[in-house]
Amino acid sequence: MALFALLEKLPKLVKYVNAIEQVADFLESVGQDKQSQQYLLDGVKAYITPVAAQMENGVAVLREAKERAERRHETVSVFTLLRLMKDPAVQKALRFAQSLLEVLAEKNRKS
């Protein structure tokens, strides 16, 4: 019985094995060709470099904000908060936080 089930699935399995074999042959040829390796490495660097630069910029912004916050000693009043609430960046961050909480709540209900 199991043999017949396996024989029925054999054409599909052969298709997958052929696809895996083609990928393996490609990876083997790339592994042996120095020019292809360099091209692949250059492509990965071209993708990673801008991301790394953005991350470095983000870290620098966070450090500067931390330093400024440590230098400030005045109390934050309700009026300051109300004024901040009108800032477009604060509004955008609050909308994001609200949407994130909604998505998390929906995911928790489904689980």
N, C-alpha and C. Protein backbone atom coordinates (compact mmCIF):
# COMPACT_ATOMS: atom_id res chain seq x y z
N MET A 1 0.82 -1.18 0.00
CA MET A 1 0.00 0.00 0.00
C MET A 1 0.88 1.26 0.00
N ALA A 2 1.86 1.32 0.90
CA ALA A 2 2.74 2.47 0.96
C ALA A 2 3.56 2.58 -0.31
N LEU A 3 3.91 1.45 -0.90
CA LEU A 3 4.69 1.45 -2.14
C LEU A 3 3.88 2.10 -3.26
N PHE A 4 2.59 1.80 -3.32
CA PHE A 4 1.75 2.40 -4.36
C PHE A 4 1.60 3.91 -4.14
N ALA A 5 1.49 4.32 -2.89
CA ALA A 5 1.39 5.75 -2.60
C ALA A 5 2.68 6.45 -3.01
N LEU A 6 3.82 5.80 -2.75
CA LEU A 6 5.10 6.37 -3.14
C LEU A 6 5.22 6.45 -4.66
N LEU A 7 4.77 5.42 -5.35
CA LEU A 7 4.83 5.42 -6.81
C LEU A 7 3.95 6.52 -7.40
N GLU A 8 2.82 6.81 -6.76
CA GLU A 8 1.95 7.89 -7.23
C GLU A 8 2.63 9.25 -7.10
N LYS A 9 3.40 9.42 -6.06
CA LYS A 9 4.06 10.70 -5.80
C LYS A 9 5.41 10.81 -6.51
N LEU A 10 5.86 9.77 -7.12
CA LEU A 10 7.19 9.76 -7.75
C LEU A 10 7.38 10.85 -8.79
N PRO A 11 6.43 11.12 -9.69
CA PRO A 11 6.66 12.20 -10.67
C PRO A 11 6.90 13.56 -10.00
N LYS A 12 6.15 13.84 -8.95
CA LYS A 12 6.33 15.10 -8.24
C LYS A 12 7.69 15.14 -7.55
N LEU A 13 8.08 14.04 -6.93
CA LEU A 13 9.37 13.96 -6.26
C LEU A 13 10.51 14.13 -7.25
N VAL A 14 10.38 13.54 -8.42
CA VAL A 14 11.42 13.66 -9.45
C VAL A 14 11.57 15.12 -9.88
N LYS A 15 10.45 15.81 -10.00
CA LYS A 15 10.49 17.23 -10.37
C LYS A 15 11.27 18.04 -9.32
N TYR A 16 10.99 17.79 -8.04
CA TYR A 16 11.70 18.50 -6.97
C TYR A 16 13.18 18.13 -6.93
N VAL A 17 13.49 16.85 -7.12
CA VAL A 17 14.88 16.42 -7.12
C VAL A 17 15.64 17.07 -8.27
N ASN A 18 15.01 17.18 -9.44
CA ASN A 18 15.64 17.85 -10.58
C ASN A 18 15.91 19.32 -10.28
N ALA A 19 14.96 19.99 -9.64
CA ALA A 19 15.15 21.40 -9.30
C ALA A 19 16.30 21.55 -8.30
N ILE A 20 16.35 20.69 -7.30
CA ILE A 20 17.43 20.74 -6.31
C ILE A 20 18.77 20.46 -6.98
N GLU A 21 18.77 19.54 -7.92
CA GLU A 21 20.01 19.21 -8.63
C GLU A 21 20.51 20.40 -9.45
N GLN A 22 19.60 21.12 -10.09
CA GLN A 22 19.99 22.30 -10.86
C GLN A 22 20.58 23.38 -9.96
N VAL A 23 19.96 23.58 -8.80
CA VAL A 23 20.48 24.58 -7.85
C VAL A 23 21.85 24.15 -7.36
N ALA A 24 22.02 22.87 -7.05
CA ALA A 24 23.31 22.37 -6.57
C ALA A 24 24.38 22.53 -7.65
N ASP A 25 24.04 22.24 -8.90
CA ASP A 25 25.01 22.42 -9.99
C ASP A 25 25.40 23.88 -10.14
N PHE A 26 24.42 24.77 -10.04
CA PHE A 26 24.70 26.20 -10.14
C PHE A 26 25.62 26.65 -9.01
N LEU A 27 25.30 26.25 -7.78
CA LEU A 27 26.13 26.64 -6.63
C LEU A 27 27.54 26.07 -6.75
N GLU A 28 27.64 24.88 -7.27
CA GLU A 28 28.96 24.28 -7.45
C GLU A 28 29.76 25.05 -8.49
N SER A 29 29.12 25.45 -9.60
CA SER A 29 29.84 26.19 -10.63
C SER A 29 30.25 27.58 -10.12
N VAL A 30 29.37 28.21 -9.33
CA VAL A 30 29.71 29.51 -8.75
C VAL A 30 30.86 29.35 -7.75
N GLY A 31 30.83 28.26 -7.01
CA GLY A 31 31.87 28.01 -6.02
C GLY A 31 33.24 27.81 -6.64
N GLN A 32 33.27 27.38 -7.87
CA GLN A 32 34.54 27.13 -8.54
C GLN A 32 35.02 28.31 -9.38
N ASP A 33 34.13 29.25 -9.66
CA ASP A 33 34.48 30.38 -10.53
C ASP A 33 34.76 31.62 -9.68
N LYS A 34 36.00 32.06 -9.67
CA LYS A 34 36.40 33.20 -8.85
C LYS A 34 35.69 34.48 -9.29
N GLN A 35 35.48 34.65 -10.58
CA GLN A 35 34.82 35.85 -11.08
C GLN A 35 33.37 35.91 -10.60
N SER A 36 32.69 34.78 -10.63
CA SER A 36 31.31 34.74 -10.15
C SER A 36 31.25 35.01 -8.65
N GLN A 37 32.21 34.47 -7.91
CA GLN A 37 32.26 34.71 -6.47
C GLN A 37 32.43 36.20 -6.19
N GLN A 38 33.32 36.84 -6.93
CA GLN A 38 33.57 38.27 -6.73
C GLN A 38 32.33 39.09 -7.10
N TYR A 39 31.67 38.71 -8.19
CA TYR A 39 30.44 39.40 -8.60
C TYR A 39 29.37 39.26 -7.53
N LEU A 40 29.22 38.07 -6.97
CA LEU A 40 28.24 37.84 -5.93
C LEU A 40 28.59 38.64 -4.67
N LEU A 41 29.86 38.65 -4.32
CA LEU A 41 30.31 39.40 -3.16
C LEU A 41 30.08 40.90 -3.35
N ASP A 42 30.37 41.41 -4.54
CA ASP A 42 30.13 42.83 -4.83
C ASP A 42 28.64 43.17 -4.74
N GLY A 43 27.80 42.26 -5.23
CA GLY A 43 26.36 42.47 -5.15
C GLY A 43 25.86 42.53 -3.72
N VAL A 44 26.37 41.64 -2.88
CA VAL A 44 25.98 41.63 -1.47
C VAL A 44 26.47 42.91 -0.79
N LYS A 45 27.70 43.32 -1.09
CA LYS A 45 28.23 44.55 -0.49
C LYS A 45 27.41 45.76 -0.91
N ALA A 46 27.00 45.80 -2.18
CA ALA A 46 26.20 46.93 -2.67
C ALA A 46 24.86 47.01 -1.94
N TYR A 47 24.34 45.87 -1.52
CA TYR A 47 23.08 45.85 -0.80
C TYR A 47 23.28 46.19 0.67
N ILE A 48 24.34 45.66 1.28
CA ILE A 48 24.57 45.82 2.70
C ILE A 48 25.10 47.21 3.06
N THR A 49 25.92 47.80 2.21
CA THR A 49 26.54 49.09 2.52
C THR A 49 25.52 50.18 2.84
N PRO A 50 24.48 50.39 2.03
CA PRO A 50 23.50 51.43 2.39
C PRO A 50 22.75 51.11 3.68
N VAL A 51 22.45 49.83 3.91
CA VAL A 51 21.75 49.45 5.13
C VAL A 51 22.63 49.73 6.35
N ALA A 52 23.92 49.39 6.24
CA ALA A 52 24.84 49.64 7.34
C ALA A 52 24.98 51.14 7.60
N ALA A 53 25.02 51.93 6.53
CA ALA A 53 25.11 53.39 6.69
C ALA A 53 23.87 53.94 7.39
N GLN A 54 22.70 53.43 7.04
CA GLN A 54 21.47 53.88 7.70
C GLN A 54 21.48 53.49 9.17
N MET A 55 21.98 52.29 9.47
CA MET A 55 22.03 51.86 10.86
C MET A 55 23.00 52.73 11.66
N GLU A 56 24.15 53.04 11.07
CA GLU A 56 25.11 53.91 11.75
C GLU A 56 24.50 55.29 11.99
N ASN A 57 23.79 55.80 11.00
CA ASN A 57 23.13 57.10 11.14
C ASN A 57 22.08 57.04 12.26
N GLY A 58 21.31 55.97 12.30
CA GLY A 58 20.30 55.81 13.35
C GLY A 58 20.92 55.75 14.74
N VAL A 59 22.03 55.03 14.85
CA VAL A 59 22.72 54.95 16.14
C VAL A 59 23.25 56.31 16.55
N ALA A 60 23.79 57.07 15.60
CA ALA A 60 24.30 58.41 15.89
C ALA A 60 23.17 59.33 16.36
N VAL A 61 22.02 59.23 15.74
CA VAL A 61 20.87 60.05 16.14
C VAL A 61 20.45 59.68 17.56
N LEU A 62 20.39 58.39 17.85
CA LEU A 62 19.99 57.97 19.20
C LEU A 62 21.00 58.43 20.25
N ARG A 63 22.28 58.34 19.94
CA ARG A 63 23.30 58.82 20.88
C ARG A 63 23.15 60.32 21.15
N GLU A 64 22.96 61.08 20.07
CA GLU A 64 22.83 62.54 20.23
C GLU A 64 21.58 62.87 21.06
N ALA A 65 20.49 62.16 20.80
CA ALA A 65 19.27 62.40 21.57
C ALA A 65 19.48 62.05 23.04
N LYS A 66 20.18 60.98 23.30
CA LYS A 66 20.46 60.60 24.69
C LYS A 66 21.30 61.66 25.39
N GLU A 67 22.34 62.15 24.69
CA GLU A 67 23.19 63.19 25.28
C GLU A 67 22.40 64.46 25.57
N ARG A 68 21.55 64.85 24.63
CA ARG A 68 20.73 66.06 24.86
C ARG A 68 19.79 65.87 26.04
N ALA A 69 19.18 64.69 26.12
CA ALA A 69 18.25 64.43 27.21
C ALA A 69 18.97 64.45 28.55
N GLU A 70 20.20 63.98 28.58
CA GLU A 70 20.97 63.99 29.84
C GLU A 70 21.38 65.40 30.25
N ARG A 71 21.56 66.29 29.28
CA ARG A 71 21.94 67.68 29.59
C ARG A 71 20.75 68.51 30.07
N ARG A 72 19.55 68.13 29.69
CA ARG A 72 18.36 68.90 30.05
C ARG A 72 17.90 68.50 31.46
N HIS A 73 17.55 69.51 32.22
CA HIS A 73 17.10 69.23 33.58
C HIS A 73 15.76 69.88 33.89
N GLU A 74 15.17 70.61 32.95
CA GLU A 74 13.89 71.25 33.22
C GLU A 74 12.78 70.19 33.23
N THR A 75 11.74 70.48 33.95
CA THR A 75 10.61 69.54 34.02
C THR A 75 9.75 69.70 32.78
N VAL A 76 9.12 68.63 32.42
CA VAL A 76 8.23 68.64 31.26
C VAL A 76 6.82 68.85 31.78
N SER A 77 6.18 69.91 31.31
CA SER A 77 4.84 70.25 31.79
C SER A 77 3.78 69.67 30.86
N VAL A 78 2.56 69.76 31.29
CA VAL A 78 1.44 69.31 30.47
C VAL A 78 1.36 70.16 29.21
N PHE A 79 1.67 71.44 29.32
CA PHE A 79 1.62 72.33 28.16
C PHE A 79 2.69 71.95 27.13
N THR A 80 3.85 71.53 27.63
CA THR A 80 4.90 71.07 26.72
C THR A 80 4.43 69.82 25.98
N LEU A 81 3.79 68.92 26.71
CA LEU A 81 3.27 67.71 26.07
C LEU A 81 2.21 68.04 25.02
N LEU A 82 1.33 68.98 25.33
CA LEU A 82 0.30 69.37 24.37
C LEU A 82 0.92 69.98 23.12
N ARG A 83 1.96 70.79 23.30
CA ARG A 83 2.64 71.38 22.16
C ARG A 83 3.32 70.29 21.33
N LEU A 84 3.92 69.31 22.01
CA LEU A 84 4.57 68.21 21.30
C LEU A 84 3.58 67.37 20.51
N MET A 85 2.37 67.25 21.04
CA MET A 85 1.35 66.43 20.37
C MET A 85 1.03 66.95 18.97
N LYS A 86 1.25 68.23 18.73
CA LYS A 86 0.97 68.80 17.42
C LYS A 86 2.08 68.54 16.41
N ASP A 87 3.24 68.13 16.88
CA ASP A 87 4.38 67.89 16.00
C ASP A 87 4.08 66.71 15.07
N PRO A 88 4.30 66.86 13.75
CA PRO A 88 4.01 65.77 12.81
C PRO A 88 4.79 64.48 13.11
N ALA A 89 6.01 64.61 13.56
CA ALA A 89 6.80 63.41 13.86
C ALA A 89 6.20 62.66 15.04
N VAL A 90 5.72 63.38 16.03
CA VAL A 90 5.08 62.74 17.19
C VAL A 90 3.78 62.08 16.76
N GLN A 91 3.01 62.76 15.93
CA GLN A 91 1.76 62.19 15.44
C GLN A 91 2.02 60.90 14.66
N LYS A 92 3.03 60.92 13.82
CA LYS A 92 3.37 59.73 13.03
C LYS A 92 3.79 58.58 13.95
N ALA A 93 4.60 58.88 14.94
CA ALA A 93 5.05 57.84 15.88
C ALA A 93 3.88 57.30 16.69
N LEU A 94 2.96 58.17 17.09
CA LEU A 94 1.80 57.71 17.85
C LEU A 94 0.87 56.85 17.00
N ARG A 95 0.68 57.24 15.73
CA ARG A 95 -0.14 56.41 14.83
C ARG A 95 0.49 55.04 14.65
N PHE A 96 1.81 55.02 14.50
CA PHE A 96 2.52 53.75 14.36
C PHE A 96 2.34 52.90 15.62
N ALA A 97 2.53 53.51 16.78
CA ALA A 97 2.40 52.77 18.04
C ALA A 97 0.98 52.24 18.20
N GLN A 98 0.00 53.04 17.85
CA GLN A 98 -1.40 52.62 17.95
C GLN A 98 -1.66 51.45 17.00
N SER A 99 -1.18 51.53 15.78
CA SER A 99 -1.38 50.44 14.82
C SER A 99 -0.66 49.18 15.26
N LEU A 100 0.53 49.33 15.80
CA LEU A 100 1.29 48.18 16.29
C LEU A 100 0.53 47.48 17.41
N LEU A 101 -0.01 48.25 18.34
CA LEU A 101 -0.78 47.66 19.43
C LEU A 101 -2.03 46.95 18.92
N GLU A 102 -2.69 47.53 17.91
CA GLU A 102 -3.88 46.89 17.33
C GLU A 102 -3.52 45.56 16.68
N VAL A 103 -2.42 45.54 15.92
CA VAL A 103 -1.99 44.31 15.25
C VAL A 103 -1.63 43.25 16.29
N LEU A 104 -0.89 43.65 17.33
CA LEU A 104 -0.52 42.69 18.38
C LEU A 104 -1.75 42.14 19.08
N ALA A 105 -2.74 42.98 19.33
CA ALA A 105 -3.97 42.52 19.97
C ALA A 105 -4.70 41.52 19.07
N GLU A 106 -4.77 41.80 17.77
CA GLU A 106 -5.42 40.88 16.83
C GLU A 106 -4.69 39.54 16.78
N LYS A 107 -3.36 39.59 16.76
CA LYS A 107 -2.57 38.35 16.72
C LYS A 107 -2.79 37.53 18.00
N ASN A 108 -2.89 38.21 19.15
CA ASN A 108 -3.11 37.51 20.42
C ASN A 108 -4.50 36.87 20.47
N ARG A 109 -5.49 37.54 19.87
CA ARG A 109 -6.85 36.97 19.84
C ARG A 109 -6.90 35.74 18.97
N LYS A 110 -6.14 35.72 17.87
CA LYS A 110 -6.14 34.57 16.95
C LYS A 110 -5.42 33.38 17.55
N SER A 111 -4.46 33.64 18.44
CA SER A 111 -3.67 32.55 19.02
C SER A 111 -4.41 31.76 20.05
